Amino acid sequence: MTPSFWDAETRFWLDGTTSYVTTMANDAVMVFPAPTGILTGEAILESLKEAPRWDDVAFDERKETRVGDTMVLAYRATGHRGKDRPYVAMCSSTYARQAGSWKLVAHQQCPQS
């Protein structure tokens, strides 16, 4: 497994929309907790323009599996933002090789209490 998948995942959490524009597939699907819900394509980028980024994030329980031109990452994320309580979620991201480069095609977060 190339560490670049985990590097890309970290950038999605910490960086602005630039990481998404360069690494996300145009028809990507993301599932976020309410009230955001299910977003696709351009709606993902629009929702991120106003969303505050995380100060830091840690990934635990990392799992990965590759089948052909598809890579799936699964992990527990703990994100910190300012003095807020940490945000902990079980997450998965799916990448697919498109025209010779890897693109994020799906991401889901399931918050933990």
Protein backbone atom coordinates (compact mmCIF):
# COMPACT_ATOMS: atom_id res chain seq x y z
CA MET A 1 0.00 0.00 0.00
CA THR A 2 1.34 3.38 -1.00
CA PRO A 3 1.29 5.91 1.85
CA SER A 4 -0.09 8.49 -0.58
CA PHE A 5 -3.65 7.23 0.04
CA TRP A 6 -3.35 8.04 3.74
CA ASP A 7 -1.64 11.34 2.90
CA ALA A 8 -4.54 12.21 0.59
CA GLU A 9 -7.03 11.25 3.29
CA THR A 10 -5.29 13.55 5.78
CA ARG A 11 -5.37 16.42 3.28
CA PHE A 12 -9.13 15.96 2.82
CA TRP A 13 -9.61 16.55 6.55
CA LEU A 14 -7.14 19.41 6.99
CA ASP A 15 -6.91 21.32 3.71
CA GLY A 16 -9.45 23.40 1.88
CA THR A 17 -11.33 22.60 -1.28
CA THR A 18 -8.13 22.50 -3.37
CA SER A 19 -7.43 18.93 -2.24
CA TYR A 20 -10.92 17.90 -3.27
CA VAL A 21 -10.75 19.57 -6.67
CA THR A 22 -7.49 17.81 -7.55
CA THR A 23 -8.17 14.38 -6.02
CA MET A 24 -11.94 13.83 -6.02
CA ALA A 25 -13.82 12.26 -8.93
CA ASN A 26 -16.37 14.59 -10.53
CA ASP A 27 -19.21 12.20 -9.71
CA ALA A 28 -18.09 11.33 -6.17
CA VAL A 29 -20.61 10.50 -3.45
CA MET A 30 -20.19 11.41 0.22
CA VAL A 31 -22.34 10.56 3.23
CA PHE A 32 -22.08 12.89 6.22
CA PRO A 33 -23.99 13.03 9.49
CA ALA A 34 -27.20 15.09 9.62
CA PRO A 35 -27.95 17.74 8.70
CA THR A 36 -25.57 17.45 5.72
CA GLY A 37 -26.56 13.96 4.55
CA ILE A 38 -25.72 12.60 1.10
CA LEU A 39 -23.86 14.85 -1.33
CA THR A 40 -22.61 14.28 -4.87
CA GLY A 41 -20.25 16.03 -7.27
CA GLU A 42 -20.36 19.82 -7.20
CA ALA A 43 -22.57 19.85 -4.07
CA ILE A 44 -19.65 18.40 -2.12
CA LEU A 45 -17.40 21.29 -3.11
CA GLU A 46 -20.12 23.85 -2.35
CA SER A 47 -20.67 22.44 1.14
CA LEU A 48 -16.94 22.59 1.88
CA LYS A 49 -16.53 26.25 0.97
CA GLU A 50 -18.18 27.33 4.23
CA ALA A 51 -17.12 24.41 6.42
CA PRO A 52 -14.33 25.08 8.91
CA ARG A 53 -11.35 22.77 8.50
CA TRP A 54 -9.94 20.59 11.25
CA ASP A 55 -6.86 21.71 13.18
CA ASP A 56 -5.60 18.13 13.31
CA VAL A 57 -6.81 14.60 12.75
CA ALA A 58 -5.59 11.15 13.76
CA PHE A 59 -6.50 7.85 12.11
CA ASP A 60 -6.69 4.67 14.18
CA GLU A 61 -7.80 1.14 13.38
CA ARG A 62 -6.59 1.62 9.80
CA LYS A 63 -7.69 -1.01 7.32
CA GLU A 64 -7.21 -1.09 3.58
CA THR A 65 -8.04 -3.40 0.76
CA ARG A 66 -7.31 -3.18 -2.91
CA VAL A 67 -9.19 -5.02 -5.63
CA GLY A 68 -7.89 -4.21 -9.10
CA ASP A 69 -8.26 -0.48 -9.71
CA THR A 70 -10.19 0.16 -6.48
CA MET A 71 -8.76 0.94 -3.04
CA VAL A 72 -10.87 1.11 0.12
CA LEU A 73 -9.64 2.70 3.34
CA ALA A 74 -11.50 2.23 6.63
CA TYR A 75 -10.52 3.89 9.88
CA ARG A 76 -11.54 5.68 13.06
CA ALA A 77 -10.89 9.40 12.78
CA THR A 78 -10.45 11.76 15.71
CA GLY A 79 -10.53 15.39 14.63
CA HIS A 80 -9.91 18.50 16.71
CA ARG A 81 -11.10 22.00 15.97
CA GLY A 82 -10.34 24.84 18.36
CA LYS A 83 -11.57 24.13 21.88
CA ASP A 84 -14.48 21.97 20.70
CA ARG A 85 -14.79 18.41 21.89
CA PRO A 86 -13.03 15.95 19.58
CA TYR A 87 -15.09 14.62 16.70
CA VAL A 88 -14.78 10.83 16.47
CA ALA A 89 -16.17 8.91 13.51
CA MET A 90 -15.80 5.57 11.80
CA CYS A 91 -15.00 6.38 8.18
CA SER A 92 -14.45 4.77 4.84
CA SER A 93 -13.12 6.16 1.59
CA THR A 94 -13.02 4.49 -1.78
CA TYR A 95 -10.55 5.45 -4.48
CA ALA A 96 -10.63 4.29 -8.10
CA ARG A 97 -8.02 4.60 -10.80
CA GLN A 98 -9.36 6.86 -13.55
CA ALA A 99 -7.28 7.72 -16.61
CA GLY A 100 -4.07 6.70 -14.83
CA SER A 101 -4.59 8.55 -11.53
CA TRP A 102 -6.37 7.70 -8.30
CA LYS A 103 -9.56 9.63 -7.51
CA LEU A 104 -11.74 9.64 -4.41
CA VAL A 105 -15.13 8.27 -5.51
CA ALA A 106 -16.87 7.75 -2.14
CA HIS A 107 -16.51 8.74 1.50
CA GLN A 108 -18.72 8.04 4.51
CA GLN A 109 -18.61 9.11 8.15
CA CYS A 110 -20.45 7.47 11.03
CA PRO A 111 -20.00 9.60 14.18
CA GLN A 112 -19.28 7.83 17.46
CA SER A 113 -20.58 9.12 20.77
